C-alpha atoms as a PDB file:
ATOM      1  CA  UNK A   1       2.258   0.185  41.841  1.00  0.00           C
ATOM      2  CA  UNK A   2      -1.134   1.273  40.594  1.00  0.00           C
ATOM      3  CA  UNK A   3      -3.769   2.684  43.185  1.00  0.00           C
ATOM      4  CA  UNK A   4      -7.033   4.661  42.666  1.00  0.00           C
ATOM      5  CA  UNK A   5      -5.908   4.923  38.626  1.00  0.00           C
ATOM      6  CA  UNK A   6      -2.638   6.312  39.564  1.00  0.00           C
ATOM      7  CA  UNK A   7       0.757   4.877  38.956  1.00  0.00           C
ATOM      8  CA  UNK A   8       2.997   5.188  41.909  1.00  0.00           C
ATOM      9  CA  UNK A   9       6.703   4.761  42.046  1.00  0.00           C
ATOM     10  CA  UNK A  10       9.243   4.806  45.298  1.00  0.00           C
ATOM     11  CA  UNK A  11      12.371   6.431  45.576  1.00  0.00           C
ATOM     12  CA  UNK A  12      14.295   3.078  45.576  1.00  0.00           C
ATOM     13  CA  UNK A  13      12.619   2.143  41.975  1.00  0.00           C
ATOM     14  CA  UNK A  14      13.377   5.936  40.627  1.00  0.00           C
ATOM     15  CA  UNK A  15      16.976   5.810  42.150  1.00  0.00           C
ATOM     16  CA  UNK A  16      17.440   2.522  39.535  1.00  0.00           C
ATOM     17  CA  UNK A  17      16.952   4.628  36.762  1.00  0.00           C
ATOM     18  CA  UNK A  18      20.134   6.350  36.544  1.00  0.00           C
ATOM     19  CA  UNK A  19      21.891   5.918  33.553  1.00  0.00           C
ATOM     20  CA  UNK A  20      22.281   6.837  29.942  1.00  0.00           C
ATOM     21  CA  UNK A  21      19.813   4.119  29.128  1.00  0.00           C
ATOM     22  CA  UNK A  22      17.045   5.092  31.384  1.00  0.00           C
ATOM     23  CA  UNK A  23      16.853   8.434  33.400  1.00  0.00           C
ATOM     24  CA  UNK A  24      13.990   9.297  35.753  1.00  0.00           C
ATOM     25  CA  UNK A  25      13.342  12.261  37.976  1.00  0.00           C
ATOM     26  CA  UNK A  26      11.075  13.307  40.760  1.00  0.00           C
ATOM     27  CA  UNK A  27      10.242  16.966  40.494  1.00  0.00           C
ATOM     28  CA  UNK A  28       7.205  17.831  42.814  1.00  0.00           C
ATOM     29  CA  UNK A  29       6.259  14.538  43.954  1.00  0.00           C
ATOM     30  CA  UNK A  30       5.918  13.524  40.109  1.00  0.00           C
ATOM     31  CA  UNK A  31       7.964  10.827  38.027  1.00  0.00           C
ATOM     32  CA  UNK A  32       9.271  11.683  35.012  1.00  0.00           C
ATOM     33  CA  UNK A  33      11.241   9.476  32.573  1.00  0.00           C
ATOM     34  CA  UNK A  34      13.273  11.826  30.544  1.00  0.00           C
ATOM     35  CA  UNK A  35      15.412   9.231  28.466  1.00  0.00           C
ATOM     36  CA  UNK A  36      14.206  10.969  25.554  1.00  0.00           C
ATOM     37  CA  UNK A  37      14.544  14.150  26.375  1.00  0.00           C
ATOM     38  CA  UNK A  38      18.479  14.168  27.432  1.00  0.00           C
ATOM     39  CA  UNK A  39      20.056  14.816  24.205  1.00  0.00           C
ATOM     40  CA  UNK A  40      17.684  17.862  23.858  1.00  0.00           C
ATOM     41  CA  UNK A  41      18.223  19.583  26.964  1.00  0.00           C
ATOM     42  CA  UNK A  42      19.091  23.106  26.417  1.00  0.00           C
ATOM     43  CA  UNK A  43      21.460  23.022  29.835  1.00  0.00           C
ATOM     44  CA  UNK A  44      23.050  20.060  28.617  1.00  0.00           C
ATOM     45  CA  UNK A  45      23.242  16.352  29.719  1.00  0.00           C
ATOM     46  CA  UNK A  46      25.482  16.502  32.522  1.00  0.00           C
ATOM     47  CA  UNK A  47      22.901  18.340  34.851  1.00  0.00           C
ATOM     48  CA  UNK A  48      20.538  15.739  33.977  1.00  0.00           C
ATOM     49  CA  UNK A  49      23.006  12.912  34.970  1.00  0.00           C
ATOM     50  CA  UNK A  50      23.875  14.818  38.129  1.00  0.00           C
ATOM     51  CA  UNK A  51      20.147  14.444  39.295  1.00  0.00           C
ATOM     52  CA  UNK A  52      19.131  11.096  37.644  1.00  0.00           C
ATOM     53  CA  UNK A  53      17.379   8.770  39.690  1.00  0.00           C
ATOM     54  CA  UNK A  54      16.904  11.267  42.642  1.00  0.00           C
ATOM     55  CA  UNK A  55      14.296  14.221  43.615  1.00  0.00           C
ATOM     56  CA  UNK A  56      15.493  17.074  41.174  1.00  0.00           C
ATOM     57  CA  UNK A  57      12.632  19.900  42.516  1.00  0.00           C
ATOM     58  CA  UNK A  58      15.424  22.203  43.992  1.00  0.00           C
ATOM     59  CA  UNK A  59      17.433  21.637  40.973  1.00  0.00           C
ATOM     60  CA  UNK A  60      14.579  22.471  38.632  1.00  0.00           C
ATOM     61  CA  UNK A  61      13.390  25.415  40.852  1.00  0.00           C
ATOM     62  CA  UNK A  62      16.720  27.170  41.435  1.00  0.00           C
ATOM     63  CA  UNK A  63      17.107  26.919  37.533  1.00  0.00           C
ATOM     64  CA  UNK A  64      14.000  29.389  36.958  1.00  0.00           C
ATOM     65  CA  UNK A  65      12.688  27.420  34.094  1.00  0.00           C
ATOM     66  CA  UNK A  66      10.380  29.105  31.881  1.00  0.00           C
ATOM     67  CA  UNK A  67       6.489  28.438  31.652  1.00  0.00           C
ATOM     68  CA  UNK A  68       7.414  26.528  28.251  1.00  0.00           C
ATOM     69  CA  UNK A  69      10.022  24.193  29.842  1.00  0.00           C
ATOM     70  CA  UNK A  70       7.427  23.129  32.437  1.00  0.00           C
ATOM     71  CA  UNK A  71       4.978  22.466  30.146  1.00  0.00           C
ATOM     72  CA  UNK A  72       7.183  20.554  27.723  1.00  0.00           C
ATOM     73  CA  UNK A  73       8.139  18.368  31.042  1.00  0.00           C
ATOM     74  CA  UNK A  74       4.198  17.213  31.063  1.00  0.00           C
ATOM     75  CA  UNK A  75       5.047  14.663  28.029  1.00  0.00           C
ATOM     76  CA  UNK A  76       7.473  12.697  30.104  1.00  0.00           C
ATOM     77  CA  UNK A  77       5.070  12.359  33.277  1.00  0.00           C
ATOM     78  CA  UNK A  78       5.035   8.568  34.109  1.00  0.00           C
ATOM     79  CA  UNK A  79       3.365   8.438  37.446  1.00  0.00           C
ATOM     80  CA  UNK A  80       3.611   9.943  41.173  1.00  0.00           C
ATOM     81  CA  UNK A  81       5.786   9.535  43.963  1.00  0.00           C
ATOM     82  CA  UNK A  82       4.590   7.091  46.596  1.00  0.00           C
ATOM     83  CA  UNK A  83       2.755   8.923  49.109  1.00  0.00           C
ATOM     84  CA  UNK A  84       4.801   6.973  51.494  1.00  0.00           C
ATOM     85  CA  UNK A  85       7.955   8.291  50.236  1.00  0.00           C
ATOM     86  CA  UNK A  86       6.437  11.909  49.831  1.00  0.00           C
ATOM     87  CA  UNK A  87       5.812  11.892  53.772  1.00  0.00           C
ATOM     88  CA  UNK A  88       9.784  10.662  54.292  1.00  0.00           C
ATOM     89  CA  UNK A  89      10.679  13.657  52.106  1.00  0.00           C
ATOM     90  CA  UNK A  90       8.453  16.107  54.004  1.00  0.00           C
ATOM     91  CA  UNK A  91      10.020  14.851  57.444  1.00  0.00           C
ATOM     92  CA  UNK A  92      13.506  14.984  55.914  1.00  0.00           C
ATOM     93  CA  UNK A  93      12.843  18.476  54.470  1.00  0.00           C
ATOM     94  CA  UNK A  94      11.170  19.916  57.587  1.00  0.00           C
ATOM     95  CA  UNK A  95      13.361  19.184  60.870  1.00  0.00           C
ATOM     96  CA  UNK A  96      10.452  20.723  62.805  1.00  0.00           C
ATOM     97  CA  UNK A  97       8.079  18.031  62.003  1.00  0.00           C
ATOM     98  CA  UNK A  98       9.952  15.353  63.548  1.00  0.00           C
ATOM     99  CA  UNK A  99      10.906  17.279  66.445  1.00  0.00           C
ATOM    100  CA  UNK A 100       9.061  16.607  70.014  1.00  0.00           C
ATOM    101  CA  UNK A 101       7.023  19.747  70.935  1.00  0.00           C
END
């Protein structure tokens, strides 16, 4: 879906791209098609397949990727996570946001 010149993908769309033929990830609400990168990944293919079709932000940050790795990621950027799905993630990650006050 395209809005305001940006391409958006839903979590459901991303989740369908989880095979060796096509691997998409979400990192910091941005969607990346890393299919061409899998064989080159210094940490091996397995870790990417484990995160395929999902939000890999926590795993990406936990590893402590270098600035070079973060810069390299930009070439695989294909769009943003749809705002509705970003809001769902915030609520899921922050239980206080959904509890009554």
